């Protein structure tokens, strides 16, 4: 399986590249507030942690037993969709505390979930033990191994189904990342938090002033 640094670099340089590009472009052209840097660091920290989440048992196994066993947290396989869902709920709860907005919390959770799935993707490429469908299906499997053989040795239909599943898995990770980043303001053009706050205040002030004008007109009539 890949080293932790590989998982983090894959997350930062592949999944987060649109966010980094948009942020740097906006920072150079328009400038950003210090809260926007905090926003970026928070996103990178949560994503990097979730990109390593399936290997988290290695920490306490090393401290307690001196081993790097990391495939199970008790009876639960950590390299599974079930365990990676912890990234969604954990980051989603953090988003509620930080943003106090349900949709932003859901976007942060989806981003964290995609980061955790990227770990499974890289381990699958390296022929790791991936129990994707635990607890419905407990045996480990590797999607990439199903298409890394000669066509004459496998069923043609199975070969194509496995290839479609792999493409769908990769595209799902990329789509979840792009959608969540765009909702959080990290598109190819970053939308600064301060600017969004100013727009909201201006909208509120406009509503208040318009309602005051209506009341004044009614009182005059």
N, C-alpha and C. Protein backbone atom coordinates (compact mmCIF):
# COMPACT_ATOMS: atom_id res chain seq x y z
N UNK A 1 0.84 -1.20 0.00
CA UNK A 1 0.00 0.00 0.00
C UNK A 1 0.88 1.25 0.00
N UNK A 2 0.41 2.34 -0.59
CA UNK A 2 1.21 3.56 -0.65
C UNK A 2 1.50 4.14 0.74
N UNK A 3 2.61 4.86 0.84
CA UNK A 3 2.95 5.55 2.08
C UNK A 3 1.99 6.70 2.34
N UNK A 4 1.87 7.13 3.61
CA UNK A 4 0.94 8.24 3.92
C UNK A 4 1.20 9.50 3.11
N UNK A 5 2.47 9.81 2.85
CA UNK A 5 2.78 11.02 2.10
C UNK A 5 2.19 10.96 0.69
N UNK A 6 2.10 9.75 0.13
CA UNK A 6 1.52 9.60 -1.21
C UNK A 6 0.03 9.93 -1.19
N UNK A 7 -0.67 9.46 -0.16
CA UNK A 7 -2.10 9.75 -0.04
C UNK A 7 -2.34 11.25 0.11
N UNK A 8 -1.52 11.91 0.92
CA UNK A 8 -1.70 13.35 1.14
C UNK A 8 -1.38 14.13 -0.13
N UNK A 9 -0.30 13.78 -0.81
CA UNK A 9 0.07 14.48 -2.04
C UNK A 9 -0.98 14.26 -3.13
N UNK A 10 -1.52 13.06 -3.21
CA UNK A 10 -2.56 12.80 -4.20
C UNK A 10 -3.79 13.66 -3.91
N UNK A 11 -4.14 13.77 -2.64
CA UNK A 11 -5.28 14.61 -2.28
C UNK A 11 -5.02 16.08 -2.62
N UNK A 12 -3.85 16.60 -2.24
CA UNK A 12 -3.56 18.02 -2.43
C UNK A 12 -3.37 18.36 -3.91
N UNK A 13 -2.58 17.56 -4.62
CA UNK A 13 -2.20 17.91 -5.98
C UNK A 13 -3.20 17.45 -7.04
N UNK A 14 -4.08 16.53 -6.69
CA UNK A 14 -5.07 16.04 -7.65
C UNK A 14 -6.47 16.53 -7.31
N UNK A 15 -6.93 16.21 -6.11
CA UNK A 15 -8.30 16.60 -5.76
C UNK A 15 -8.42 18.08 -5.47
N UNK A 16 -7.42 18.68 -4.83
CA UNK A 16 -7.50 20.08 -4.41
C UNK A 16 -6.90 21.05 -5.41
N UNK A 17 -6.40 20.58 -6.53
CA UNK A 17 -5.74 21.48 -7.47
C UNK A 17 -6.65 22.60 -7.97
N UNK A 18 -7.94 22.34 -8.33
CA UNK A 18 -8.80 23.46 -8.74
C UNK A 18 -8.95 24.51 -7.66
N UNK A 19 -9.08 24.07 -6.39
CA UNK A 19 -9.22 25.02 -5.29
C UNK A 19 -7.96 25.85 -5.11
N UNK A 20 -6.80 25.21 -5.18
CA UNK A 20 -5.54 25.93 -5.02
C UNK A 20 -5.33 26.91 -6.16
N UNK A 21 -5.66 26.49 -7.39
CA UNK A 21 -5.50 27.38 -8.54
C UNK A 21 -6.39 28.61 -8.40
N UNK A 22 -7.67 28.38 -8.08
CA UNK A 22 -8.59 29.51 -7.94
C UNK A 22 -8.21 30.44 -6.81
N UNK A 23 -7.75 29.87 -5.70
CA UNK A 23 -7.38 30.70 -4.55
C UNK A 23 -6.15 31.55 -4.86
N UNK A 24 -5.12 30.95 -5.45
CA UNK A 24 -3.90 31.69 -5.79
C UNK A 24 -4.20 32.77 -6.82
N UNK A 25 -5.03 32.46 -7.80
CA UNK A 25 -5.37 33.44 -8.84
C UNK A 25 -6.10 34.63 -8.22
N UNK A 26 -7.06 34.37 -7.34
CA UNK A 26 -7.79 35.47 -6.70
C UNK A 26 -6.90 36.25 -5.76
N UNK A 27 -6.01 35.56 -5.03
CA UNK A 27 -5.11 36.24 -4.10
C UNK A 27 -4.16 37.18 -4.83
N UNK A 28 -3.69 36.78 -6.01
CA UNK A 28 -2.77 37.62 -6.77
C UNK A 28 -3.48 38.80 -7.43
N UNK A 29 -4.68 38.58 -7.93
CA UNK A 29 -5.38 39.62 -8.70
C UNK A 29 -6.15 40.59 -7.80
N UNK A 30 -6.81 40.07 -6.77
CA UNK A 30 -7.69 40.90 -5.97
C UNK A 30 -7.29 40.99 -4.50
N UNK A 31 -6.50 40.03 -4.05
CA UNK A 31 -6.15 39.97 -2.63
C UNK A 31 -7.24 39.26 -1.84
N UNK A 32 -6.85 38.64 -0.75
CA UNK A 32 -7.80 37.93 0.10
C UNK A 32 -7.56 38.32 1.55
N UNK A 33 -8.61 38.18 2.35
CA UNK A 33 -8.54 38.49 3.78
C UNK A 33 -7.87 37.33 4.52
N UNK A 34 -7.39 37.59 5.75
CA UNK A 34 -6.76 36.52 6.51
C UNK A 34 -7.73 35.39 6.83
N UNK A 35 -9.03 35.70 6.91
CA UNK A 35 -10.01 34.65 7.16
C UNK A 35 -10.09 33.68 5.98
N UNK A 36 -9.77 34.15 4.77
CA UNK A 36 -9.78 33.27 3.61
C UNK A 36 -8.62 32.29 3.67
N UNK A 37 -7.46 32.71 4.18
CA UNK A 37 -6.35 31.79 4.38
C UNK A 37 -6.71 30.73 5.41
N UNK A 38 -7.41 31.15 6.46
CA UNK A 38 -7.88 30.20 7.46
C UNK A 38 -8.86 29.21 6.84
N UNK A 39 -9.71 29.70 5.96
CA UNK A 39 -10.68 28.86 5.26
C UNK A 39 -9.97 27.80 4.43
N UNK A 40 -8.90 28.20 3.71
CA UNK A 40 -8.13 27.27 2.89
C UNK A 40 -7.40 26.26 3.75
N UNK A 41 -6.75 26.71 4.82
CA UNK A 41 -6.00 25.80 5.69
C UNK A 41 -6.93 24.78 6.35
N UNK A 42 -8.12 25.22 6.72
CA UNK A 42 -9.10 24.31 7.31
C UNK A 42 -9.49 23.23 6.32
N UNK A 43 -9.73 23.61 5.08
CA UNK A 43 -10.10 22.65 4.05
C UNK A 43 -8.98 21.64 3.81
N UNK A 44 -7.74 22.12 3.72
CA UNK A 44 -6.60 21.22 3.49
C UNK A 44 -6.38 20.29 4.68
N UNK A 45 -6.56 20.82 5.89
CA UNK A 45 -6.34 20.00 7.09
C UNK A 45 -7.38 18.88 7.17
N UNK A 46 -8.65 19.21 6.97
CA UNK A 46 -9.70 18.20 7.05
C UNK A 46 -9.53 17.17 5.93
N UNK A 47 -9.26 17.63 4.72
CA UNK A 47 -9.08 16.71 3.61
C UNK A 47 -7.87 15.80 3.78
N UNK A 48 -6.75 16.35 4.28
CA UNK A 48 -5.55 15.54 4.48
C UNK A 48 -5.77 14.48 5.55
N UNK A 49 -6.45 14.86 6.63
CA UNK A 49 -6.73 13.89 7.69
C UNK A 49 -7.64 12.77 7.17
N UNK A 50 -8.67 13.13 6.42
CA UNK A 50 -9.59 12.11 5.91
C UNK A 50 -8.93 11.25 4.84
N UNK A 51 -7.96 11.80 4.12
CA UNK A 51 -7.22 11.00 3.14
C UNK A 51 -6.39 9.91 3.82
N UNK A 52 -6.09 10.08 5.10
CA UNK A 52 -5.35 9.08 5.87
C UNK A 52 -6.24 8.30 6.84
N UNK A 53 -7.53 8.62 6.86
CA UNK A 53 -8.43 8.03 7.85
C UNK A 53 -8.44 6.50 7.85
N UNK A 54 -8.49 5.81 6.70
CA UNK A 54 -8.51 4.34 6.75
C UNK A 54 -7.29 3.70 7.40
N UNK A 55 -6.19 4.45 7.50
CA UNK A 55 -4.97 3.91 8.13
C UNK A 55 -4.84 4.33 9.60
N UNK A 56 -5.88 4.95 10.15
CA UNK A 56 -5.78 5.51 11.50
C UNK A 56 -5.49 4.45 12.58
N UNK A 57 -5.92 3.17 12.44
CA UNK A 57 -5.57 2.19 13.48
C UNK A 57 -4.07 1.96 13.64
N UNK A 58 -3.28 2.31 12.62
CA UNK A 58 -1.83 2.14 12.72
C UNK A 58 -1.26 2.99 13.85
N UNK A 59 -1.91 4.11 14.19
CA UNK A 59 -1.41 5.00 15.23
C UNK A 59 -1.44 4.31 16.58
N UNK A 60 -2.63 3.81 16.99
CA UNK A 60 -2.69 3.20 18.31
C UNK A 60 -2.06 1.81 18.34
N UNK A 61 -2.04 1.10 17.19
CA UNK A 61 -1.36 -0.19 17.17
C UNK A 61 0.14 -0.03 17.33
N UNK A 62 0.68 1.06 16.77
CA UNK A 62 2.11 1.31 16.93
C UNK A 62 2.44 1.71 18.36
N UNK A 63 1.60 2.56 18.96
CA UNK A 63 1.85 3.02 20.32
C UNK A 63 1.66 1.91 21.35
N UNK A 64 0.69 1.03 21.13
CA UNK A 64 0.36 0.00 22.11
C UNK A 64 1.11 -1.31 21.88
N UNK A 65 1.25 -1.69 20.59
CA UNK A 65 1.79 -3.02 20.29
C UNK A 65 3.05 -3.00 19.44
N UNK A 66 3.45 -1.82 18.96
CA UNK A 66 4.67 -1.73 18.16
C UNK A 66 4.53 -2.27 16.75
N UNK A 67 3.28 -2.38 16.25
CA UNK A 67 3.04 -2.84 14.89
C UNK A 67 2.35 -1.73 14.09
N UNK A 68 2.33 -1.91 12.78
CA UNK A 68 1.66 -0.95 11.91
C UNK A 68 0.40 -1.55 11.29
N UNK A 69 -0.22 -2.49 11.99
CA UNK A 69 -1.47 -3.08 11.52
C UNK A 69 -2.54 -1.99 11.43
N UNK A 70 -3.19 -1.91 10.27
CA UNK A 70 -4.12 -0.80 10.07
C UNK A 70 -5.35 -1.18 9.25
N UNK A 71 -5.60 -2.45 9.09
CA UNK A 71 -6.70 -2.87 8.23
C UNK A 71 -8.03 -3.00 8.97
N UNK A 72 -7.98 -3.04 10.31
CA UNK A 72 -9.22 -3.22 11.07
C UNK A 72 -9.23 -2.33 12.30
N UNK A 73 -10.41 -1.80 12.60
CA UNK A 73 -10.65 -1.11 13.86
C UNK A 73 -11.61 -1.99 14.64
N UNK A 74 -11.06 -2.90 15.45
CA UNK A 74 -11.88 -3.93 16.06
C UNK A 74 -12.33 -4.89 14.98
N UNK A 75 -13.62 -5.19 14.88
CA UNK A 75 -14.09 -6.11 13.84
C UNK A 75 -14.39 -5.41 12.51
N UNK A 76 -14.26 -4.09 12.46
CA UNK A 76 -14.67 -3.32 11.27
C UNK A 76 -13.48 -3.07 10.36
N UNK A 77 -13.54 -3.49 9.09
CA UNK A 77 -12.48 -3.16 8.13
C UNK A 77 -12.44 -1.65 7.88
N UNK A 78 -11.29 -1.07 8.05
CA UNK A 78 -11.20 0.38 7.85
C UNK A 78 -11.20 0.77 6.38
N UNK A 79 -10.78 -0.16 5.51
CA UNK A 79 -10.76 0.12 4.08
C UNK A 79 -12.08 -0.33 3.48
N UNK A 80 -13.12 0.40 3.82
CA UNK A 80 -14.47 0.07 3.36
C UNK A 80 -15.28 1.36 3.25
N UNK A 81 -16.34 1.32 2.46
CA UNK A 81 -17.22 2.48 2.33
C UNK A 81 -17.89 2.79 3.66
N UNK A 82 -18.18 1.75 4.43
CA UNK A 82 -18.84 1.93 5.73
C UNK A 82 -17.96 2.75 6.67
N UNK A 83 -16.68 2.40 6.79
CA UNK A 83 -15.78 3.13 7.68
C UNK A 83 -15.51 4.53 7.14
N UNK A 84 -15.37 4.67 5.83
CA UNK A 84 -15.09 5.99 5.25
C UNK A 84 -16.26 6.95 5.44
N UNK A 85 -17.46 6.41 5.67
CA UNK A 85 -18.60 7.30 5.92
C UNK A 85 -18.41 8.10 7.20
N UNK A 86 -17.52 7.65 8.10
CA UNK A 86 -17.21 8.44 9.30
C UNK A 86 -16.66 9.80 8.92
N UNK A 87 -15.94 9.87 7.79
CA UNK A 87 -15.40 11.15 7.32
C UNK A 87 -16.53 12.11 7.01
N UNK A 88 -17.58 11.61 6.37
CA UNK A 88 -18.72 12.47 6.03
C UNK A 88 -19.40 13.02 7.28
N UNK A 89 -19.71 12.14 8.22
CA UNK A 89 -20.43 12.58 9.42
C UNK A 89 -19.56 13.44 10.33
N UNK A 90 -18.27 13.07 10.46
CA UNK A 90 -17.38 13.86 11.31
C UNK A 90 -17.15 15.25 10.76
N UNK A 91 -16.85 15.33 9.45
CA UNK A 91 -16.63 16.64 8.84
C UNK A 91 -17.92 17.43 8.75
N UNK A 92 -19.04 16.74 8.54
CA UNK A 92 -20.33 17.43 8.49
C UNK A 92 -20.67 18.08 9.83
N UNK A 93 -20.41 17.36 10.93
CA UNK A 93 -20.65 17.94 12.25
C UNK A 93 -19.73 19.13 12.49
N UNK A 94 -18.46 19.00 12.08
CA UNK A 94 -17.52 20.12 12.22
C UNK A 94 -18.00 21.31 11.40
N UNK A 95 -18.56 21.05 10.20
CA UNK A 95 -19.07 22.13 9.37
C UNK A 95 -20.24 22.85 10.02
N UNK A 96 -21.09 22.11 10.73
CA UNK A 96 -22.19 22.76 11.44
C UNK A 96 -21.68 23.70 12.52
N UNK A 97 -20.62 23.26 13.23
CA UNK A 97 -20.05 24.10 14.29
C UNK A 97 -19.35 25.32 13.70
N UNK A 98 -18.64 25.13 12.58
CA UNK A 98 -17.83 26.21 12.01
C UNK A 98 -18.67 27.18 11.20
N UNK A 99 -19.47 26.64 10.27
CA UNK A 99 -20.21 27.50 9.34
C UNK A 99 -21.61 27.84 9.83
N UNK A 100 -22.17 27.00 10.70
CA UNK A 100 -23.56 27.18 11.16
C UNK A 100 -24.52 27.25 9.97
N UNK A 101 -24.29 26.37 9.02
CA UNK A 101 -25.09 26.34 7.80
C UNK A 101 -25.15 24.88 7.34
N UNK A 102 -26.35 24.35 7.19
CA UNK A 102 -26.50 22.92 6.90
C UNK A 102 -25.91 22.52 5.56
N UNK A 103 -26.15 23.30 4.52
CA UNK A 103 -25.67 22.93 3.20
C UNK A 103 -24.15 23.01 3.12
N UNK A 104 -23.55 24.01 3.76
CA UNK A 104 -22.09 24.07 3.79
C UNK A 104 -21.51 22.91 4.59
N UNK A 105 -22.20 22.53 5.66
CA UNK A 105 -21.75 21.37 6.45
C UNK A 105 -21.82 20.10 5.61
N UNK A 106 -22.90 19.95 4.83
CA UNK A 106 -23.02 18.79 3.96
C UNK A 106 -21.95 18.79 2.88
N UNK A 107 -21.63 19.98 2.34
CA UNK A 107 -20.58 20.08 1.32
C UNK A 107 -19.23 19.71 1.90
N UNK A 108 -18.94 20.16 3.12
CA UNK A 108 -17.67 19.80 3.76
C UNK A 108 -17.62 18.30 4.03
N UNK A 109 -18.75 17.72 4.45
CA UNK A 109 -18.79 16.27 4.67
C UNK A 109 -18.56 15.49 3.39
N UNK A 110 -19.17 15.94 2.29
CA UNK A 110 -18.99 15.26 1.01
C UNK A 110 -17.54 15.37 0.54
N UNK A 111 -16.92 16.53 0.77
CA UNK A 111 -15.52 16.71 0.41
C UNK A 111 -14.63 15.75 1.21
N UNK A 112 -14.90 15.62 2.51
CA UNK A 112 -14.12 14.71 3.36
C UNK A 112 -14.32 13.26 2.94
N UNK A 113 -15.55 12.91 2.58
CA UNK A 113 -15.84 11.54 2.13
C UNK A 113 -15.08 11.22 0.85
N UNK A 114 -15.04 12.17 -0.09
CA UNK A 114 -14.28 11.97 -1.32
C UNK A 114 -12.80 11.81 -1.04
N UNK A 115 -12.28 12.54 -0.05
CA UNK A 115 -10.87 12.40 0.32
C UNK A 115 -10.58 11.01 0.86
N UNK A 116 -11.48 10.49 1.70
CA UNK A 116 -11.30 9.14 2.24
C UNK A 116 -11.39 8.09 1.13
N UNK A 117 -12.29 8.30 0.17
CA UNK A 117 -12.40 7.36 -0.94
C UNK A 117 -11.15 7.37 -1.82
N UNK A 118 -10.48 8.51 -1.91
CA UNK A 118 -9.24 8.55 -2.68
C UNK A 118 -8.18 7.62 -2.09
N UNK A 119 -8.23 7.43 -0.77
CA UNK A 119 -7.31 6.48 -0.11
C UNK A 119 -7.60 5.06 -0.60
N UNK A 120 -8.88 4.69 -0.65
CA UNK A 120 -9.25 3.36 -1.14
C UNK A 120 -8.82 3.18 -2.60
N UNK A 121 -8.96 4.25 -3.39
CA UNK A 121 -8.59 4.18 -4.80
C UNK A 121 -7.11 3.86 -4.96
N UNK A 122 -6.25 4.57 -4.24
CA UNK A 122 -4.81 4.33 -4.36
C UNK A 122 -4.43 2.95 -3.83
N UNK A 123 -5.04 2.52 -2.73
CA UNK A 123 -4.75 1.19 -2.20
C UNK A 123 -5.24 0.10 -3.14
N UNK A 124 -6.33 0.35 -3.84
CA UNK A 124 -6.83 -0.61 -4.82
C UNK A 124 -5.83 -0.77 -5.96
N UNK A 125 -5.28 0.35 -6.41
CA UNK A 125 -4.27 0.29 -7.47
C UNK A 125 -3.06 -0.53 -7.02
N UNK A 126 -2.72 -0.43 -5.71
CA UNK A 126 -1.56 -1.14 -5.16
C UNK A 126 -1.92 -2.54 -4.68
N UNK A 127 -3.10 -3.07 -5.06
CA UNK A 127 -3.56 -4.41 -4.70
C UNK A 127 -3.69 -4.61 -3.20
N UNK A 128 -4.19 -3.57 -2.50
CA UNK A 128 -4.45 -3.69 -1.08
C UNK A 128 -5.74 -4.44 -0.81
N UNK A 129 -5.99 -4.75 0.46
CA UNK A 129 -7.20 -5.46 0.85
C UNK A 129 -8.33 -4.46 1.09
N UNK A 130 -9.26 -4.37 0.15
CA UNK A 130 -10.34 -3.40 0.22
C UNK A 130 -11.68 -4.14 0.37
N UNK A 131 -12.28 -3.99 1.52
CA UNK A 131 -13.60 -4.61 1.77
C UNK A 131 -14.67 -3.56 1.48
N UNK A 132 -14.85 -3.24 0.22
CA UNK A 132 -15.71 -2.13 -0.18
C UNK A 132 -17.09 -2.18 0.46
N UNK A 133 -17.72 -3.34 0.41
CA UNK A 133 -19.15 -3.42 0.73
C UNK A 133 -19.44 -4.02 2.11
N UNK A 134 -18.46 -3.95 3.03
CA UNK A 134 -18.73 -4.36 4.40
C UNK A 134 -19.84 -3.47 4.97
N UNK A 135 -20.81 -4.01 5.71
CA UNK A 135 -20.98 -5.39 6.19
C UNK A 135 -21.82 -6.27 5.27
N UNK A 136 -22.22 -5.78 4.09
CA UNK A 136 -23.03 -6.58 3.18
C UNK A 136 -22.20 -7.69 2.54
N UNK A 137 -20.92 -7.40 2.30
CA UNK A 137 -20.03 -8.38 1.66
C UNK A 137 -18.67 -8.24 2.33
N UNK A 138 -18.25 -9.26 3.08
CA UNK A 138 -17.09 -9.14 3.96
C UNK A 138 -15.76 -9.46 3.28
N UNK A 139 -15.78 -10.09 2.12
CA UNK A 139 -14.52 -10.45 1.47
C UNK A 139 -13.88 -9.23 0.82
N UNK A 140 -12.55 -9.18 0.85
CA UNK A 140 -11.83 -8.07 0.21
C UNK A 140 -11.79 -8.26 -1.30
N UNK A 141 -11.66 -7.16 -2.02
CA UNK A 141 -11.62 -7.22 -3.47
C UNK A 141 -10.80 -6.04 -4.00
N UNK A 142 -10.33 -6.19 -5.22
CA UNK A 142 -9.57 -5.14 -5.91
C UNK A 142 -10.13 -4.95 -7.30
N UNK A 143 -10.74 -3.82 -7.53
CA UNK A 143 -11.37 -3.56 -8.82
C UNK A 143 -10.35 -3.54 -9.95
N UNK A 144 -9.19 -2.94 -9.71
CA UNK A 144 -8.21 -2.79 -10.78
C UNK A 144 -7.61 -4.12 -11.18
N UNK A 145 -7.57 -5.10 -10.27
CA UNK A 145 -7.02 -6.40 -10.62
C UNK A 145 -7.90 -7.14 -11.61
N UNK A 146 -9.19 -6.80 -11.67
CA UNK A 146 -10.10 -7.49 -12.57
C UNK A 146 -9.88 -7.13 -14.03
N UNK A 147 -9.27 -5.99 -14.28
CA UNK A 147 -9.05 -5.59 -15.67
C UNK A 147 -7.57 -5.66 -16.05
N UNK A 148 -6.73 -6.06 -15.14
CA UNK A 148 -5.29 -6.13 -15.41
C UNK A 148 -4.89 -7.54 -15.82
N UNK A 149 -5.64 -8.11 -16.76
CA UNK A 149 -5.36 -9.47 -17.24
C UNK A 149 -5.62 -9.53 -18.74
N UNK A 150 -5.22 -10.65 -19.37
CA UNK A 150 -5.49 -10.84 -20.79
C UNK A 150 -6.97 -11.09 -21.02
N UNK A 151 -7.47 -10.59 -22.13
CA UNK A 151 -8.88 -10.78 -22.44
C UNK A 151 -9.24 -12.25 -22.62
N UNK A 152 -8.31 -13.06 -23.11
CA UNK A 152 -8.62 -14.46 -23.36
C UNK A 152 -8.79 -15.24 -22.07
N UNK A 153 -8.36 -14.70 -20.93
CA UNK A 153 -8.42 -15.43 -19.67
C UNK A 153 -9.66 -15.12 -18.86
N UNK A 154 -10.44 -14.14 -19.27
CA UNK A 154 -11.59 -13.74 -18.48
C UNK A 154 -12.84 -13.65 -19.35
N UNK A 155 -13.96 -13.63 -18.68
CA UNK A 155 -15.22 -13.42 -19.37
C UNK A 155 -15.28 -11.99 -19.89
N UNK A 156 -15.60 -11.82 -21.17
CA UNK A 156 -15.58 -10.50 -21.79
C UNK A 156 -16.55 -9.55 -21.10
N UNK A 157 -17.73 -10.05 -20.72
CA UNK A 157 -18.73 -9.23 -20.06
C UNK A 157 -18.23 -8.77 -18.69
N UNK A 158 -17.62 -9.68 -17.91
CA UNK A 158 -17.08 -9.32 -16.60
C UNK A 158 -15.98 -8.28 -16.73
N UNK A 159 -15.16 -8.41 -17.76
CA UNK A 159 -14.08 -7.45 -17.99
C UNK A 159 -14.64 -6.05 -18.20
N UNK A 160 -15.67 -5.93 -19.02
CA UNK A 160 -16.24 -4.62 -19.31
C UNK A 160 -16.99 -4.04 -18.11
N UNK A 161 -17.69 -4.88 -17.37
CA UNK A 161 -18.40 -4.41 -16.18
C UNK A 161 -17.41 -3.86 -15.17
N UNK A 162 -16.30 -4.58 -14.96
CA UNK A 162 -15.29 -4.12 -14.01
C UNK A 162 -14.70 -2.80 -14.46
N UNK A 163 -14.46 -2.64 -15.76
CA UNK A 163 -13.92 -1.38 -16.27
C UNK A 163 -14.89 -0.23 -16.07
N UNK A 164 -16.19 -0.48 -16.29
CA UNK A 164 -17.20 0.57 -16.10
C UNK A 164 -17.27 0.97 -14.63
N UNK A 165 -17.21 -0.01 -13.73
CA UNK A 165 -17.26 0.28 -12.29
C UNK A 165 -16.07 1.13 -11.87
N UNK A 166 -14.88 0.83 -12.39
CA UNK A 166 -13.68 1.60 -12.05
C UNK A 166 -13.83 3.05 -12.51
N UNK A 167 -14.27 3.24 -13.75
CA UNK A 167 -14.44 4.60 -14.27
C UNK A 167 -15.49 5.34 -13.46
N UNK A 168 -16.58 4.67 -13.11
CA UNK A 168 -17.63 5.30 -12.32
C UNK A 168 -17.12 5.68 -10.93
N UNK A 169 -16.29 4.83 -10.33
CA UNK A 169 -15.73 5.09 -9.01
C UNK A 169 -14.83 6.33 -9.04
N UNK A 170 -13.94 6.40 -10.03
CA UNK A 170 -13.03 7.54 -10.14
C UNK A 170 -13.81 8.82 -10.43
N UNK A 171 -14.74 8.75 -11.37
CA UNK A 171 -15.50 9.95 -11.73
C UNK A 171 -16.38 10.42 -10.57
N UNK A 172 -16.88 9.49 -9.74
CA UNK A 172 -17.69 9.88 -8.59
C UNK A 172 -16.86 10.66 -7.58
N UNK A 173 -15.63 10.21 -7.34
CA UNK A 173 -14.74 10.92 -6.42
C UNK A 173 -14.47 12.33 -6.93
N UNK A 174 -14.15 12.44 -8.22
CA UNK A 174 -13.86 13.76 -8.80
C UNK A 174 -15.09 14.66 -8.77
N UNK A 175 -16.27 14.10 -9.09
CA UNK A 175 -17.48 14.91 -9.12
C UNK A 175 -17.85 15.41 -7.72
N UNK A 176 -17.77 14.52 -6.71
CA UNK A 176 -18.06 14.94 -5.34
C UNK A 176 -17.10 16.04 -4.89
N UNK A 177 -15.84 15.92 -5.27
CA UNK A 177 -14.85 16.92 -4.89
C UNK A 177 -15.15 18.27 -5.53
N UNK A 178 -15.40 18.27 -6.85
CA UNK A 178 -15.64 19.52 -7.56
C UNK A 178 -16.91 20.21 -7.09
N UNK A 179 -17.99 19.44 -6.88
CA UNK A 179 -19.26 20.03 -6.45
C UNK A 179 -19.13 20.64 -5.06
N UNK A 180 -18.51 19.90 -4.13
CA UNK A 180 -18.37 20.40 -2.76
C UNK A 180 -17.44 21.60 -2.70
N UNK A 181 -16.34 21.58 -3.46
CA UNK A 181 -15.43 22.72 -3.47
C UNK A 181 -16.12 23.96 -4.04
N UNK A 182 -16.88 23.79 -5.11
CA UNK A 182 -17.57 24.93 -5.70
C UNK A 182 -18.58 25.52 -4.72
N UNK A 183 -19.29 24.68 -3.99
CA UNK A 183 -20.27 25.19 -3.04
C UNK A 183 -19.61 25.93 -1.89
N UNK A 184 -18.40 25.49 -1.51
CA UNK A 184 -17.66 26.15 -0.44
C UNK A 184 -16.91 27.39 -0.92
N UNK A 185 -17.01 27.68 -2.21
CA UNK A 185 -16.38 28.88 -2.75
C UNK A 185 -15.04 28.65 -3.41
N UNK A 186 -14.59 27.38 -3.51
CA UNK A 186 -13.28 27.08 -4.07
C UNK A 186 -13.42 26.52 -5.49
N UNK A 187 -13.90 27.34 -6.39
CA UNK A 187 -13.93 26.94 -7.79
C UNK A 187 -12.66 27.38 -8.49
N UNK A 188 -12.69 27.40 -9.83
CA UNK A 188 -11.55 27.92 -10.58
C UNK A 188 -11.36 29.41 -10.32
N UNK A 189 -12.38 30.04 -9.75
CA UNK A 189 -12.27 31.42 -9.28
C UNK A 189 -12.77 31.44 -7.84
N UNK A 190 -11.88 31.70 -6.90
CA UNK A 190 -12.25 31.66 -5.49
C UNK A 190 -13.16 32.83 -5.13
N UNK A 191 -14.19 32.54 -4.34
CA UNK A 191 -15.10 33.58 -3.88
C UNK A 191 -14.79 33.88 -2.42
N UNK A 192 -14.13 35.01 -2.13
CA UNK A 192 -13.69 35.31 -0.77
C UNK A 192 -14.84 35.39 0.22
N UNK A 193 -14.57 34.97 1.45
CA UNK A 193 -15.58 35.02 2.51
C UNK A 193 -16.01 36.45 2.80
N UNK A 194 -15.03 37.36 2.84
CA UNK A 194 -15.33 38.76 3.17
C UNK A 194 -16.26 39.36 2.12
N UNK A 195 -15.99 39.09 0.85
CA UNK A 195 -16.83 39.62 -0.22
C UNK A 195 -18.24 39.08 -0.12
N UNK A 196 -18.37 37.78 0.22
CA UNK A 196 -19.70 37.20 0.35
C UNK A 196 -20.44 37.82 1.53
N UNK A 197 -19.70 38.11 2.60
CA UNK A 197 -20.33 38.74 3.77
C UNK A 197 -20.81 40.15 3.43
N UNK A 198 -20.02 40.89 2.65
CA UNK A 198 -20.41 42.24 2.25
C UNK A 198 -21.66 42.20 1.37
N UNK A 199 -21.71 41.22 0.44
CA UNK A 199 -22.88 41.11 -0.42
C UNK A 199 -24.13 40.80 0.38
N UNK A 200 -23.99 39.93 1.37
CA UNK A 200 -25.14 39.59 2.21
C UNK A 200 -25.60 40.81 2.99
N UNK A 201 -24.66 41.57 3.57
CA UNK A 201 -25.01 42.78 4.32
C UNK A 201 -25.68 43.81 3.43
N UNK A 202 -25.15 43.99 2.21
CA UNK A 202 -25.75 44.94 1.28
C UNK A 202 -27.17 44.52 0.92
N UNK A 203 -27.38 43.20 0.74
CA UNK A 203 -28.71 42.71 0.41
C UNK A 203 -29.68 42.97 1.56
N UNK A 204 -29.22 42.74 2.79
CA UNK A 204 -30.06 42.97 3.96
C UNK A 204 -30.38 44.45 4.10
N UNK A 205 -29.34 45.30 3.91
CA UNK A 205 -29.56 46.74 4.00
C UNK A 205 -30.55 47.22 2.95
N UNK A 206 -30.46 46.65 1.74
CA UNK A 206 -31.38 47.02 0.68
C UNK A 206 -32.81 46.65 1.01
N UNK A 207 -32.99 45.45 1.59
CA UNK A 207 -34.33 45.04 1.98
C UNK A 207 -34.89 45.94 3.06
N UNK A 208 -34.05 46.30 4.06
CA UNK A 208 -34.50 47.15 5.15
C UNK A 208 -34.86 48.54 4.65
N UNK A 209 -34.00 49.10 3.77
CA UNK A 209 -34.27 50.45 3.25
C UNK A 209 -35.52 50.48 2.38
N UNK A 210 -35.72 49.42 1.57
CA UNK A 210 -36.91 49.39 0.72
C UNK A 210 -38.17 49.27 1.55
N UNK A 211 -38.13 48.46 2.61
CA UNK A 211 -39.30 48.34 3.48
C UNK A 211 -39.57 49.65 4.21
N UNK A 212 -38.50 50.39 4.58
CA UNK A 212 -38.69 51.69 5.24
C UNK A 212 -39.32 52.68 4.27
N UNK A 213 -38.90 52.66 3.01
CA UNK A 213 -39.49 53.57 2.02
C UNK A 213 -40.96 53.26 1.80
N UNK A 214 -41.30 51.97 1.83
CA UNK A 214 -42.71 51.60 1.65
C UNK A 214 -43.54 52.11 2.81
N UNK A 215 -43.03 51.94 4.03
CA UNK A 215 -43.77 52.40 5.20
C UNK A 215 -43.91 53.92 5.19
N UNK A 216 -42.84 54.63 4.74
CA UNK A 216 -42.91 56.08 4.70
C UNK A 216 -43.93 56.56 3.67
N UNK A 217 -43.97 55.88 2.53
CA UNK A 217 -44.95 56.24 1.50
C UNK A 217 -46.36 55.98 1.98
N UNK A 218 -46.58 54.89 2.71
CA UNK A 218 -47.91 54.59 3.23
C UNK A 218 -48.35 55.61 4.27
N UNK A 219 -47.41 56.04 5.11
CA UNK A 219 -47.76 57.04 6.14
C UNK A 219 -48.10 58.39 5.52
N UNK A 220 -47.40 58.77 4.45
CA UNK A 220 -47.69 60.02 3.76
C UNK A 220 -49.04 60.02 3.09
N UNK A 221 -49.41 58.84 2.52
CA UNK A 221 -50.71 58.75 1.87
C UNK A 221 -51.84 58.65 2.89
